[in-house]
Protein backbone atom coordinates (compact mmCIF):
# COMPACT_ATOMS: atom_id res chain seq x y z
CA MET A 1 -88.04 -153.64 17.12
CA THR A 2 -87.05 -156.98 17.59
CA ASP A 3 -89.15 -159.49 19.48
CA ARG A 4 -86.75 -159.35 22.04
CA ASP A 5 -87.45 -155.67 22.60
CA ILE A 6 -90.93 -155.93 22.28
CA LEU A 7 -91.16 -158.54 25.02
CA TRP A 8 -89.03 -156.41 26.87
CA CYS A 9 -91.45 -153.27 26.84
CA ALA A 10 -94.19 -155.58 27.54
CA VAL A 11 -92.83 -156.68 30.70
CA ASN A 12 -91.63 -153.34 31.96
CA LEU A 13 -95.11 -151.92 31.23
CA LEU A 14 -96.43 -154.94 33.35
CA LEU A 15 -93.97 -153.99 36.00
CA ASP A 16 -94.87 -150.48 36.27
CA ASP A 17 -98.57 -151.44 36.59
CA GLU A 18 -97.70 -153.12 39.67
CA GLN A 19 -95.87 -150.56 41.01
CA GLU A 20 -98.56 -148.52 40.51
CA LEU A 21 -100.95 -150.74 42.64
CA GLU A 22 -98.43 -151.26 45.31
CA GLN A 23 -98.65 -147.24 46.23
CA LEU A 24 -102.47 -147.50 46.60
CA CYS A 25 -104.26 -148.68 49.80
CA PRO A 26 -106.03 -151.91 50.07
CA THR A 27 -109.19 -150.62 49.01
CA CYS A 28 -108.05 -148.24 46.34
CA ARG A 29 -106.21 -151.32 44.54
CA SER A 30 -108.97 -153.69 44.75
CA ARG A 31 -111.12 -150.98 43.17
CA ALA A 32 -108.45 -150.34 40.59
CA GLN A 33 -108.58 -153.78 39.73
CA GLU A 34 -112.12 -154.43 39.18
CA GLU A 35 -113.23 -154.55 35.78
CA ARG A 36 -115.02 -151.24 34.63
CA CYS A 37 -116.65 -150.18 31.75
CA LEU A 38 -114.66 -147.97 29.32
CA CYS A 39 -117.18 -145.46 28.72
CA CYS A 40 -118.89 -144.53 32.07
CA GLY A 41 -116.77 -146.30 34.85
CA ALA A 42 -119.39 -148.49 36.39
CA PRO A 43 -118.37 -151.73 37.54
CA ILE A 44 -118.96 -154.79 35.10
CA CYS A 45 -120.63 -157.33 37.06
CA ALA A 46 -119.43 -161.29 36.43
CA GLY A 47 -121.26 -162.90 33.53
CA GLU A 48 -121.83 -159.90 31.76
CA GLY A 49 -119.39 -159.21 28.74
CA VAL A 50 -119.50 -160.04 25.28
CA VAL A 51 -122.24 -161.97 23.55
CA ASN A 52 -122.16 -163.79 20.63
CA SER A 53 -125.72 -163.20 18.71
CA ALA A 54 -124.81 -166.14 16.22
CA PHE A 55 -124.13 -168.76 19.13
CA ASP A 56 -127.07 -171.43 19.25
CA GLU A 57 -127.28 -172.10 22.60
CA ALA A 58 -129.87 -174.76 22.14
CA ARG A 59 -127.59 -176.51 19.22
CA PHE A 60 -124.97 -176.49 21.98
CA GLN A 61 -126.69 -178.14 24.33
CA THR A 62 -127.69 -180.59 22.02
CA LEU A 63 -123.93 -181.48 21.13
CA LYS A 64 -123.11 -181.04 24.52
CA ARG A 65 -125.44 -184.20 25.17
CA GLY A 66 -123.99 -186.09 22.42
CA ASP A 67 -127.02 -186.31 20.57
CA GLY A 68 -126.55 -184.23 17.49
CA HIS A 69 -124.52 -186.14 14.93
CA ASP A 70 -124.27 -184.34 11.63
């Protein structure tokens, strides 16, 4: 497949999703657009998501303030 073919497929997939959403009532449409757990289907609250265990919050805050120049 060429890059043009891949782009054409991607655009058509987006249009298909949009057409499916247009066939739903407003309540079902908003529910379909909610972020949900792939396993159990429970809604994912804002702020939840991937957590980087290697992220150093204290170091980030120090650098953010401009205090920690290496």
